[in-house]
Amino acid sequence: MVAPMNNSLTGAAAPSRGRFVNTGNGPAFQAIDIGHAEYVAVIDPDTAFWFLVKREKLTDAMLGGDLPRVYAKKTKQFAGEMNALRFGLTPSAVYFNPTERCNMNCPYCYIPEKMRRNGEHMPEKKLLLALEKLKQYFYLTLPKDSTPQIVFHGAEPLLNRQAIFAGIEEYGKDFLFGIQTNATLLDDEAVEFLTSRNVSIGLSLDAPTAQVAARTRKNWDGQGTFKQVIAAMKRLTGYKGWSIICTVTSANLRHLTKLVDFFHEKEVPTCLMNIIRCTLPSSRSLKPGDAEAARCFLAALDRTYELYQQTGRRLPVGNFANILLAIIAPAARRLMCDISPCGGGRCFFALSPNGDMFPCSEFIGLDRFRAGNLFTDEISAVLETEPFRLVTGRKVEDIEPCRRCAIRHFCGSPCPAEACEMNGGINKTGAFCEFYEEQVRYAFRVIADGKVDAYLWDGWDKGMKDTFSLSGS
């Protein structure tokens, strides 16, 4: 009979020293195929730490050498940085809807049609009061050297032009202002006002030709607005603070590469190619399949690289650039849809024309996510309400299959509004999964091939430094 060891007598377990990968207290690494001929990626899904290794060296990298010992010294730091990014931020921006109305009837719009047809404007006096309340809130909650952002969003904000221009004029020193517009009302006077005050301007355009663009972006009479958008683009030529959003649908999917050519020719500084949100039933008829969406989207990214090689001029696709940053510099990412919890209610919130507050604009029109009112409730109290907590508490660890996915912190399983409305719950997946998988794999291939600079903005790496070296130094 063998006598028990001392730790058995006391009930204390001998702790693992973390000397090995994937056992005990050692690092938990997953290897993934990134579709590269030479490299695979190895990831610690909990901390989003990763490295690339040649295929023939994978076993040695995973099981031998100094990796577990060296990485153990940084594990807590990496976990702490990821935790701070996910749970330590507070709102610093507001998506401000100054009107419910729109002069267009795009079938994929997340705002219900009734609101867009007959909704209300926020009166100028109330808009100024709203900005004052937001100013006072951010003064108390943000660092003194930080300037909060206000993005006038829609519906179509320029339908309430006088009020928003008055707000920009009055509070230009208190906020960084932006506006997202369909461009149909962006005349010379509006462009002069906005550009002279350094307001960032986002336009919407889905295709390089009038015929294709009119499939989804059209007014209430069914007419396209392509010529008006092109006129607005010409007015903005030379201004650095503008961009274009393209909504990727089954209607324009096969035209994305030509759209890249078109944007590059027009010297668009940056663009977004956002896959359609399927929050409302009307948008789901335009949902492309994941495989085709990924194929066409990645072909468009390939084209941006080819044009950069030919001309030396970049065309960053912001939503992909954000995925790339999520891998190489997580804290530098600019958008907050591809992390969980997402930015809704955590980095920003949305304001409707009557002052109602929502975690994100995507929830406007969904009554159960109306959390309070700016004019009657304290902002800090609204941020603690159940609708906000549902969104800020949505974690990939609670979603299947995301909780066991190696790239869960590069994708974030968007979007909570879409998941609720399309798939029946806040802890469900959204409309796409493989599309995001393919973006991440593509991003790793870009890194492996040393092409990162071609896909990002000038100066993206300013002030950055390496935080890990296998040499231990």
Protein backbone atom coordinates (compact mmCIF):
# COMPACT_ATOMS: atom_id res chain seq x y z
CA MET A 1 0.00 0.00 0.00
CA VAL A 2 1.39 3.41 -1.01
CA ALA A 3 1.07 6.23 1.50
CA PRO A 4 -0.64 9.40 0.20
CA MET A 5 1.48 12.48 -0.47
CA ASN A 6 1.35 15.42 1.94
CA ASN A 7 -0.75 17.55 -0.37
CA SER A 8 -3.41 14.81 -0.42
CA LEU A 9 -3.49 14.79 3.37
CA THR A 10 -4.04 18.55 3.49
CA GLY A 11 -6.39 18.69 0.53
CA ALA A 12 -4.12 21.11 -1.36
CA ALA A 13 -3.34 20.37 -5.00
CA ALA A 14 0.19 20.73 -6.31
CA PRO A 15 -0.05 23.67 -8.74
CA SER A 16 1.01 23.33 -12.36
CA ARG A 17 4.07 25.42 -13.11
CA GLY A 18 2.85 26.13 -16.64
CA ARG A 19 5.81 24.48 -18.32
CA PHE A 20 3.82 23.00 -21.19
CA VAL A 21 1.44 24.30 -23.83
CA ASN A 22 -2.25 23.36 -23.47
CA THR A 23 -1.99 21.62 -20.10
CA GLY A 24 -2.18 22.85 -16.53
CA ASN A 25 -1.29 26.51 -16.16
CA GLY A 26 0.56 26.57 -19.46
CA PRO A 27 -0.60 28.78 -22.34
CA ALA A 28 -3.62 27.52 -24.28
CA PHE A 29 -2.70 27.89 -27.94
CA GLN A 30 -4.78 27.00 -30.98
CA ALA A 31 -3.29 26.63 -34.44
CA ILE A 32 -5.42 27.80 -37.37
CA ASP A 33 -5.02 27.46 -41.10
CA ILE A 34 -4.94 30.96 -42.62
CA GLY A 35 -4.88 29.77 -46.22
CA HIS A 36 -1.20 30.65 -46.64
CA ALA A 37 1.21 28.33 -48.44
CA GLU A 38 3.99 28.81 -45.91
CA TYR A 39 2.54 29.99 -42.57
CA VAL A 40 -0.11 29.06 -40.04
CA ALA A 41 -1.26 31.21 -37.12
CA VAL A 42 -1.06 30.16 -33.47
CA ILE A 43 -3.40 32.02 -31.11
CA ASP A 44 -4.17 32.24 -27.43
CA PRO A 45 -7.91 32.98 -27.82
CA ASP A 46 -8.31 34.43 -24.32
CA THR A 47 -5.69 37.16 -24.66
CA ALA A 48 -5.68 37.50 -28.49
CA PHE A 49 -1.91 36.88 -28.45
CA TRP A 50 -0.75 35.27 -31.68
CA PHE A 51 2.28 34.44 -33.76
CA LEU A 52 2.89 33.11 -37.25
CA VAL A 53 4.98 29.99 -37.74
CA LYS A 54 6.09 28.05 -40.78
CA ARG A 55 4.03 24.93 -41.29
CA GLU A 56 6.97 22.55 -40.92
CA LYS A 57 7.96 24.25 -37.65
CA LEU A 58 4.53 24.11 -36.02
CA THR A 59 5.21 21.15 -33.75
CA ASP A 60 8.48 22.60 -32.50
CA ALA A 61 6.87 25.98 -31.88
CA MET A 62 3.96 24.52 -29.96
CA LEU A 63 5.77 21.91 -27.91
CA GLY A 64 9.38 22.93 -27.59
CA GLY A 65 11.64 25.85 -26.92
CA ASP A 66 11.23 28.79 -24.58
CA LEU A 67 7.76 29.92 -25.64
CA PRO A 68 5.78 28.79 -22.54
CA ARG A 69 8.34 30.30 -20.16
CA VAL A 70 8.70 33.61 -22.00
CA TYR A 71 5.00 33.97 -22.72
CA ALA A 72 4.13 33.26 -19.07
CA LYS A 73 5.86 36.52 -18.12
CA LYS A 74 3.47 38.48 -20.35
CA THR A 75 0.22 36.54 -19.97
CA LYS A 76 -1.21 38.72 -17.20
CA GLN A 77 -0.28 41.89 -19.07
CA PHE A 78 -1.95 40.72 -22.28
CA ALA A 79 -5.04 39.53 -20.41
CA GLY A 80 -5.23 42.83 -18.55
CA GLU A 81 -4.98 44.84 -21.77
CA MET A 82 -7.74 42.81 -23.40
CA ASN A 83 -9.93 43.09 -20.31
CA ALA A 84 -9.44 46.88 -20.23
CA LEU A 85 -10.34 47.16 -23.90
CA ARG A 86 -13.46 45.07 -23.45
CA PHE A 87 -14.71 46.27 -20.08
CA GLY A 88 -12.78 49.35 -19.03
CA LEU A 89 -13.95 51.95 -21.55
CA THR A 90 -16.67 54.55 -21.04
CA PRO A 91 -18.73 56.39 -23.68
CA SER A 92 -16.94 59.16 -25.53
CA ALA A 93 -19.19 59.52 -28.57
CA VAL A 94 -22.87 59.91 -29.47
CA TYR A 95 -24.65 58.96 -32.67
CA PHE A 96 -27.10 61.84 -32.70
CA ASN A 97 -30.19 61.44 -34.89
CA PRO A 98 -31.59 64.98 -35.32
CA THR A 99 -34.49 63.70 -37.39
CA GLU A 100 -36.41 60.50 -38.01
CA ARG A 101 -37.19 61.48 -41.58
CA CYS A 102 -35.36 60.59 -44.75
CA ASN A 103 -35.83 61.66 -48.35
CA MET A 104 -34.78 58.20 -49.47
CA ASN A 105 -36.27 54.73 -49.11
CA CYS A 106 -33.34 52.31 -49.09
CA PRO A 107 -34.68 48.78 -48.48
CA TYR A 108 -31.91 47.85 -46.04
CA CYS A 109 -32.34 50.84 -43.73
CA TYR A 110 -32.47 49.92 -40.03
CA ILE A 111 -34.97 52.70 -39.27
CA PRO A 112 -38.59 51.61 -39.77
CA GLU A 113 -40.31 53.02 -42.87
CA LYS A 114 -43.07 54.75 -40.90
CA MET A 115 -40.52 56.80 -39.00
CA ARG A 116 -38.62 57.73 -42.15
CA ARG A 117 -41.80 58.89 -43.92
CA ASN A 118 -43.56 60.82 -41.17
CA GLY A 119 -41.14 61.13 -38.27
CA GLU A 120 -40.21 64.22 -36.31
CA HIS A 121 -37.31 66.65 -36.33
CA MET A 122 -35.60 67.69 -33.12
CA PRO A 123 -36.27 71.44 -32.78
CA GLU A 124 -33.21 73.67 -32.80
CA LYS A 125 -33.74 74.79 -29.21
CA LYS A 126 -33.91 71.19 -27.97
CA LEU A 127 -30.90 70.20 -30.07
CA LEU A 128 -28.83 72.92 -28.42
CA LEU A 129 -30.10 71.81 -25.01
CA ALA A 130 -29.14 68.22 -25.83
CA LEU A 131 -25.61 69.28 -26.75
CA GLU A 132 -25.32 71.24 -23.53
CA LYS A 133 -26.38 68.21 -21.48
CA LEU A 134 -23.91 66.01 -23.34
CA LYS A 135 -21.16 68.57 -22.87
CA GLN A 136 -21.72 68.61 -19.11
CA TYR A 137 -21.81 64.80 -18.92
CA PHE A 138 -18.58 64.32 -20.84
CA TYR A 139 -16.90 67.09 -18.84
CA LEU A 140 -17.40 64.95 -15.74
CA THR A 141 -16.57 61.57 -17.25
CA LEU A 142 -13.74 62.04 -19.75
CA PRO A 143 -10.10 63.03 -19.19
CA LYS A 144 -9.55 66.76 -19.48
CA ASP A 145 -7.44 66.36 -22.63
CA SER A 146 -10.12 64.28 -24.39
CA THR A 147 -12.70 65.72 -26.79
CA PRO A 148 -15.95 63.78 -27.20
CA GLN A 149 -17.45 63.08 -30.62
CA ILE A 150 -20.91 63.84 -31.98
CA VAL A 151 -21.89 62.17 -35.26
CA PHE A 152 -25.12 63.46 -36.77
CA HIS A 153 -26.64 60.33 -38.17
CA GLY A 154 -29.86 59.24 -39.75
CA ALA A 155 -32.27 58.94 -41.35
CA GLU A 156 -31.01 62.04 -43.22
CA PRO A 157 -29.62 64.65 -40.84
CA LEU A 158 -29.49 67.43 -43.42
CA LEU A 159 -33.28 67.49 -43.51
CA ASN A 160 -32.85 69.26 -40.17
CA ARG A 161 -29.94 71.32 -41.44
CA GLN A 162 -30.62 74.60 -39.68
CA ALA A 163 -30.70 72.96 -36.26
CA ILE A 164 -27.53 70.89 -36.68
CA PHE A 165 -25.60 73.80 -38.18
CA ALA A 166 -26.62 75.91 -35.19
CA GLY A 167 -25.34 73.14 -32.90
CA ILE A 168 -22.01 72.88 -34.71
CA GLU A 169 -21.60 76.65 -34.61
CA GLU A 170 -22.40 76.88 -30.89
CA TYR A 171 -20.43 73.85 -29.68
CA GLY A 172 -17.60 73.61 -32.21
CA LYS A 173 -14.98 73.89 -29.46
CA ASP A 174 -16.59 71.27 -27.24
CA PHE A 175 -17.02 68.34 -29.65
CA LEU A 176 -15.46 66.73 -32.68
CA PHE A 177 -18.39 66.78 -35.09
CA GLY A 178 -19.18 64.42 -37.93
CA ILE A 179 -22.13 63.88 -40.22
CA GLN A 180 -23.25 60.84 -42.19
CA THR A 181 -25.42 61.88 -45.14
CA ASN A 182 -26.89 60.44 -48.33
CA ALA A 183 -25.37 63.54 -50.04
CA THR A 184 -28.55 64.60 -51.84
CA LEU A 185 -28.72 67.83 -49.82
CA LEU A 186 -25.00 68.49 -49.63
CA ASP A 187 -24.89 71.66 -51.72
CA ASP A 188 -22.08 74.21 -52.03
CA GLU A 189 -23.22 76.17 -48.99
CA ALA A 190 -23.40 73.07 -46.80
CA VAL A 191 -19.98 71.88 -47.93
CA GLU A 192 -18.44 75.28 -47.22
CA PHE A 193 -19.97 75.40 -43.75
CA LEU A 194 -18.92 71.86 -42.79
CA THR A 195 -15.42 71.87 -44.24
CA SER A 196 -14.58 75.29 -42.79
CA ARG A 197 -15.36 73.86 -39.35
CA ASN A 198 -13.43 70.61 -39.87
CA VAL A 199 -16.53 68.43 -39.65
CA SER A 200 -15.90 64.89 -40.87
CA ILE A 201 -18.31 64.01 -43.67
CA GLY A 202 -19.45 60.54 -44.61
CA LEU A 203 -21.34 59.91 -47.86
CA SER A 204 -23.22 56.81 -48.94
CA LEU A 205 -22.72 55.12 -52.31
CA ASP A 206 -23.11 51.45 -53.14
CA ALA A 207 -21.95 51.06 -56.72
CA PRO A 208 -19.80 52.60 -59.47
CA THR A 209 -22.71 53.06 -61.90
CA ALA A 210 -26.09 54.75 -61.61
CA GLN A 211 -27.95 51.61 -62.68
CA VAL A 212 -26.48 49.36 -60.01
CA ALA A 213 -26.53 52.02 -57.28
CA ALA A 214 -30.24 52.61 -57.86
CA ARG A 215 -31.05 49.00 -57.00
CA THR A 216 -30.83 49.85 -53.32
CA ARG A 217 -30.27 53.60 -52.91
CA LYS A 218 -33.33 55.41 -54.22
CA ASN A 219 -35.82 58.05 -53.18
CA TRP A 220 -39.49 57.59 -52.37
CA ASP A 221 -40.35 57.83 -56.09
CA GLY A 222 -37.96 54.97 -56.84
CA GLN A 223 -35.37 57.18 -58.51
CA GLY A 224 -31.65 56.75 -57.90
CA THR A 225 -29.43 59.52 -56.57
CA PHE A 226 -26.10 58.59 -58.14
CA LYS A 227 -25.54 61.93 -59.93
CA GLN A 228 -26.17 63.90 -56.74
CA VAL A 229 -23.63 61.85 -54.82
CA ILE A 230 -21.02 62.29 -57.56
CA ALA A 231 -21.63 66.06 -57.46
CA ALA A 232 -21.08 66.05 -53.70
CA MET A 233 -17.87 64.05 -54.13
CA LYS A 234 -16.55 66.68 -56.53
CA ARG A 235 -17.33 69.41 -54.02
CA LEU A 236 -15.27 67.56 -51.41
CA THR A 237 -12.23 66.98 -53.59
CA GLY A 238 -9.12 68.03 -51.68
CA TYR A 239 -10.79 67.86 -48.26
CA LYS A 240 -9.16 65.20 -46.11
CA GLY A 241 -12.01 64.68 -43.69
CA TRP A 242 -14.49 62.80 -45.85
CA SER A 243 -15.22 59.17 -46.60
CA ILE A 244 -17.78 56.90 -48.24
CA ILE A 245 -19.82 54.05 -46.83
CA CYS A 246 -20.86 51.25 -49.17
CA THR A 247 -23.39 48.76 -47.85
CA VAL A 248 -22.54 45.33 -49.27
CA THR A 249 -25.63 43.42 -50.42
CA SER A 250 -26.53 40.77 -52.97
CA ALA A 251 -27.41 43.66 -55.31
CA ASN A 252 -23.90 45.11 -55.57
CA LEU A 253 -21.65 42.26 -54.46
CA ARG A 254 -20.19 41.51 -57.86
CA HIS A 255 -19.38 45.17 -58.47
CA LEU A 256 -17.13 45.74 -55.45
CA THR A 257 -13.86 45.47 -57.36
CA LYS A 258 -15.04 48.04 -59.91
CA LEU A 259 -16.23 50.19 -57.03
CA VAL A 260 -12.68 50.15 -55.62
CA ASP A 261 -11.40 51.38 -58.98
CA PHE A 262 -14.06 54.08 -58.99
CA PHE A 263 -13.26 55.28 -55.45
CA HIS A 264 -9.55 55.30 -56.17
CA GLU A 265 -10.04 57.28 -59.38
CA LYS A 266 -12.16 59.84 -57.47
CA GLU A 267 -9.46 60.08 -54.77
CA VAL A 268 -11.74 59.00 -51.96
CA PRO A 269 -9.58 59.25 -48.80
CA THR A 270 -11.08 56.20 -47.11
CA CYS A 271 -14.16 54.02 -47.39
CA LEU A 272 -16.18 51.43 -45.52
CA MET A 273 -17.60 48.35 -47.21
CA ASN A 274 -20.00 47.23 -44.53
CA ILE A 275 -21.80 43.94 -44.94
CA ILE A 276 -25.54 44.50 -44.69
CA ARG A 277 -27.13 44.43 -41.25
CA CYS A 278 -30.15 42.12 -41.25
CA THR A 279 -31.87 43.63 -38.22
CA LEU A 280 -35.17 44.34 -40.00
CA PRO A 281 -36.96 41.81 -42.24
CA SER A 282 -36.82 44.15 -45.25
CA SER A 283 -33.03 43.95 -45.37
CA ARG A 284 -32.86 40.15 -45.27
CA SER A 285 -34.00 39.82 -48.88
CA LEU A 286 -30.69 41.46 -49.83
CA LYS A 287 -28.52 39.19 -47.68
CA PRO A 288 -25.75 37.50 -49.70
CA GLY A 289 -24.34 34.11 -48.83
CA ASP A 290 -21.19 34.09 -46.68
CA ALA A 291 -18.98 32.36 -49.23
CA GLU A 292 -19.85 34.64 -52.14
CA ALA A 293 -19.71 37.74 -49.93
CA ALA A 294 -16.23 36.77 -48.74
CA ARG A 295 -14.99 35.98 -52.25
CA CYS A 296 -16.12 39.31 -53.69
CA PHE A 297 -15.05 41.35 -50.66
CA LEU A 298 -11.57 39.85 -50.58
CA ALA A 299 -11.22 40.40 -54.33
CA ALA A 300 -11.96 44.08 -53.70
CA LEU A 301 -9.27 44.15 -51.02
CA ASP A 302 -6.85 42.55 -53.47
CA ARG A 303 -7.65 45.35 -55.88
CA THR A 304 -6.83 48.05 -53.30
CA TYR A 305 -3.40 46.45 -52.95
CA GLU A 306 -2.86 46.33 -56.72
CA LEU A 307 -3.75 50.01 -57.03
CA TYR A 308 -1.41 50.89 -54.20
CA GLN A 309 1.40 49.04 -55.96
CA GLN A 310 0.66 50.88 -59.20
CA THR A 311 0.15 54.39 -57.83
CA GLY A 312 1.57 54.53 -54.29
CA ARG A 313 -1.80 55.85 -53.09
CA ARG A 314 -3.79 53.90 -50.51
CA LEU A 315 -7.53 53.34 -50.33
CA PRO A 316 -8.07 51.99 -46.81
CA VAL A 317 -11.26 49.95 -46.42
CA GLY A 318 -12.01 50.96 -42.86
CA ASN A 319 -13.90 47.92 -41.64
CA PHE A 320 -11.19 45.55 -42.87
CA ALA A 321 -8.45 47.86 -41.63
CA ASN A 322 -10.08 47.62 -38.22
CA ILE A 323 -9.89 43.81 -38.30
CA LEU A 324 -6.22 44.11 -39.23
CA LEU A 325 -5.62 46.48 -36.32
CA ALA A 326 -7.54 44.16 -33.99
CA ILE A 327 -4.82 41.59 -34.68
CA ILE A 328 -1.67 43.68 -34.73
CA ALA A 329 -2.60 46.49 -32.32
CA PRO A 330 -5.94 45.80 -30.56
CA ALA A 331 -6.08 49.08 -28.63
CA ALA A 332 -5.59 51.07 -31.85
CA ARG A 333 -8.77 49.85 -33.53
CA ARG A 334 -11.08 52.68 -34.54
CA LEU A 335 -14.41 50.87 -34.79
CA MET A 336 -16.07 48.85 -32.08
CA CYS A 337 -18.34 46.43 -33.92
CA ASP A 338 -15.72 43.66 -34.09
CA ILE A 339 -15.14 43.17 -30.38
CA SER A 340 -17.35 41.86 -27.61
CA PRO A 341 -18.98 43.52 -25.90
CA CYS A 342 -19.39 45.80 -28.90
CA GLY A 343 -19.18 49.56 -28.57
CA GLY A 344 -22.92 50.02 -28.14
CA GLY A 345 -23.61 51.53 -24.71
CA ARG A 346 -19.96 51.10 -23.81
CA CYS A 347 -18.00 53.43 -26.11
CA PHE A 348 -20.94 55.33 -27.54
CA PHE A 349 -24.72 55.53 -27.42
CA ALA A 350 -27.43 56.75 -29.77
CA LEU A 351 -29.88 59.59 -29.37
CA SER A 352 -33.22 59.80 -31.18
CA PRO A 353 -34.93 63.07 -32.20
CA ASN A 354 -37.19 63.09 -29.12
CA GLY A 355 -34.24 62.53 -26.77
CA ASP A 356 -34.69 58.79 -26.27
CA MET A 357 -31.43 56.94 -25.66
CA PHE A 358 -30.44 53.61 -27.19
CA PRO A 359 -27.23 51.55 -26.93
CA CYS A 360 -26.66 51.99 -30.68
CA SER A 361 -28.44 53.47 -33.70
CA GLU A 362 -29.15 49.94 -34.87
CA PHE A 363 -31.66 49.65 -31.99
CA ILE A 364 -33.64 52.78 -32.85
CA GLY A 365 -37.17 51.64 -33.59
CA LEU A 366 -36.88 48.63 -31.27
CA ASP A 367 -38.95 49.76 -28.28
CA ARG A 368 -37.56 47.29 -25.77
CA PHE A 369 -34.10 48.86 -26.16
CA ARG A 370 -35.32 52.37 -25.43
CA ALA A 371 -33.56 52.95 -22.12
CA GLY A 372 -34.41 56.49 -21.05
CA ASN A 373 -34.56 60.06 -22.24
CA LEU A 374 -31.80 62.67 -22.30
CA PHE A 375 -34.20 65.44 -21.29
CA THR A 376 -35.77 63.66 -18.32
CA ASP A 377 -33.16 61.17 -17.06
CA GLU A 378 -29.55 61.30 -15.93
CA ILE A 379 -27.24 59.89 -18.58
CA SER A 380 -25.27 57.89 -16.03
CA ALA A 381 -28.49 56.25 -14.82
CA VAL A 382 -29.61 55.39 -18.35
CA LEU A 383 -26.30 53.66 -19.00
CA GLU A 384 -27.07 51.30 -16.13
CA THR A 385 -30.55 50.30 -17.32
CA GLU A 386 -31.45 46.81 -18.48
CA PRO A 387 -31.45 47.59 -22.24
CA PHE A 388 -27.90 48.92 -21.98
CA ARG A 389 -26.78 46.10 -19.71
CA LEU A 390 -28.05 43.52 -22.21
CA VAL A 391 -25.82 44.96 -24.90
CA THR A 392 -22.77 45.78 -22.75
CA GLY A 393 -22.98 42.34 -21.16
CA ARG A 394 -23.03 40.44 -24.46
CA LYS A 395 -19.80 38.40 -24.57
CA VAL A 396 -18.48 35.90 -27.08
CA GLU A 397 -17.86 33.55 -24.16
CA ASP A 398 -21.66 33.17 -23.88
CA ILE A 399 -22.33 32.57 -27.59
CA GLU A 400 -22.09 29.26 -29.43
CA PRO A 401 -19.90 28.55 -31.40
CA CYS A 402 -18.03 31.79 -30.63
CA ARG A 403 -17.00 30.74 -27.12
CA ARG A 404 -14.69 28.06 -28.57
CA CYS A 405 -13.53 30.03 -31.61
CA ALA A 406 -9.83 30.93 -31.77
CA ILE A 407 -10.52 34.29 -33.48
CA ARG A 408 -13.36 35.41 -31.21
CA HIS A 409 -11.59 38.62 -30.15
CA PHE A 410 -10.84 39.62 -33.75
CA CYS A 411 -14.45 39.27 -34.88
CA GLY A 412 -16.61 39.91 -31.82
CA SER A 413 -19.65 38.10 -33.24
CA PRO A 414 -21.56 41.15 -34.50
CA CYS A 415 -24.23 42.44 -34.24
CA PRO A 416 -26.42 42.27 -31.07
CA ALA A 417 -29.39 44.05 -32.66
CA GLU A 418 -29.18 41.73 -35.65
CA ALA A 419 -28.81 38.67 -33.42
CA CYS A 420 -31.90 39.62 -31.42
CA GLU A 421 -34.15 40.41 -34.35
CA MET A 422 -32.97 37.80 -36.82
CA ASN A 423 -31.97 34.87 -34.62
CA GLY A 424 -34.00 35.37 -31.47
CA GLY A 425 -31.65 36.46 -28.71
CA ILE A 426 -28.85 38.71 -27.56
CA ASN A 427 -26.57 35.70 -27.11
CA LYS A 428 -27.15 34.34 -30.58
CA THR A 429 -24.87 34.87 -33.58
CA GLY A 430 -25.71 37.51 -36.16
CA ALA A 431 -26.32 37.08 -39.87
CA PHE A 432 -22.75 36.20 -40.85
CA CYS A 433 -19.97 34.03 -39.47
CA GLU A 434 -17.85 32.59 -42.27
CA PHE A 435 -17.63 36.05 -43.86
CA TYR A 436 -15.83 37.33 -40.75
CA GLU A 437 -13.73 34.17 -40.53
CA GLU A 438 -12.45 34.76 -44.04
CA GLN A 439 -11.60 38.41 -43.27
CA VAL A 440 -9.47 37.35 -40.33
CA ARG A 441 -7.67 34.69 -42.36
CA TYR A 442 -7.03 37.22 -45.09
CA ALA A 443 -5.66 39.67 -42.50
CA PHE A 444 -3.19 37.05 -41.27
CA ARG A 445 -2.08 36.43 -44.86
CA VAL A 446 -1.52 40.18 -45.27
CA ILE A 447 0.65 40.13 -42.15
CA ALA A 448 2.56 37.03 -43.27
CA ASP A 449 3.33 38.64 -46.64
CA GLY A 450 4.47 41.94 -45.10
CA LYS A 451 1.72 43.98 -46.78
CA VAL A 452 0.17 45.65 -43.73
CA ASP A 453 1.09 49.23 -44.66
CA ALA A 454 -0.82 48.99 -47.94
CA TYR A 455 -4.13 48.46 -46.15
CA LEU A 456 -3.90 51.04 -43.36
CA TRP A 457 -3.83 54.79 -42.99
CA ASP A 458 -0.67 56.86 -43.12
CA GLY A 459 0.98 56.98 -39.70
CA TRP A 460 -1.11 54.14 -38.27
CA ASP A 461 1.86 52.81 -36.28
CA LYS A 462 2.97 56.12 -34.78
CA GLY A 463 3.85 55.67 -31.11
CA MET A 464 3.51 51.88 -31.16
CA LYS A 465 6.08 49.47 -29.80
CA ASP A 466 6.56 45.72 -29.55
CA THR A 467 5.48 44.19 -26.26
CA PHE A 468 6.68 40.61 -26.74
CA SER A 469 9.88 38.99 -27.89
CA LEU A 470 10.60 35.28 -27.87
CA SER A 471 14.15 36.14 -26.91
CA GLY A 472 12.77 37.30 -23.59
CA SER A 473 14.41 40.70 -23.86
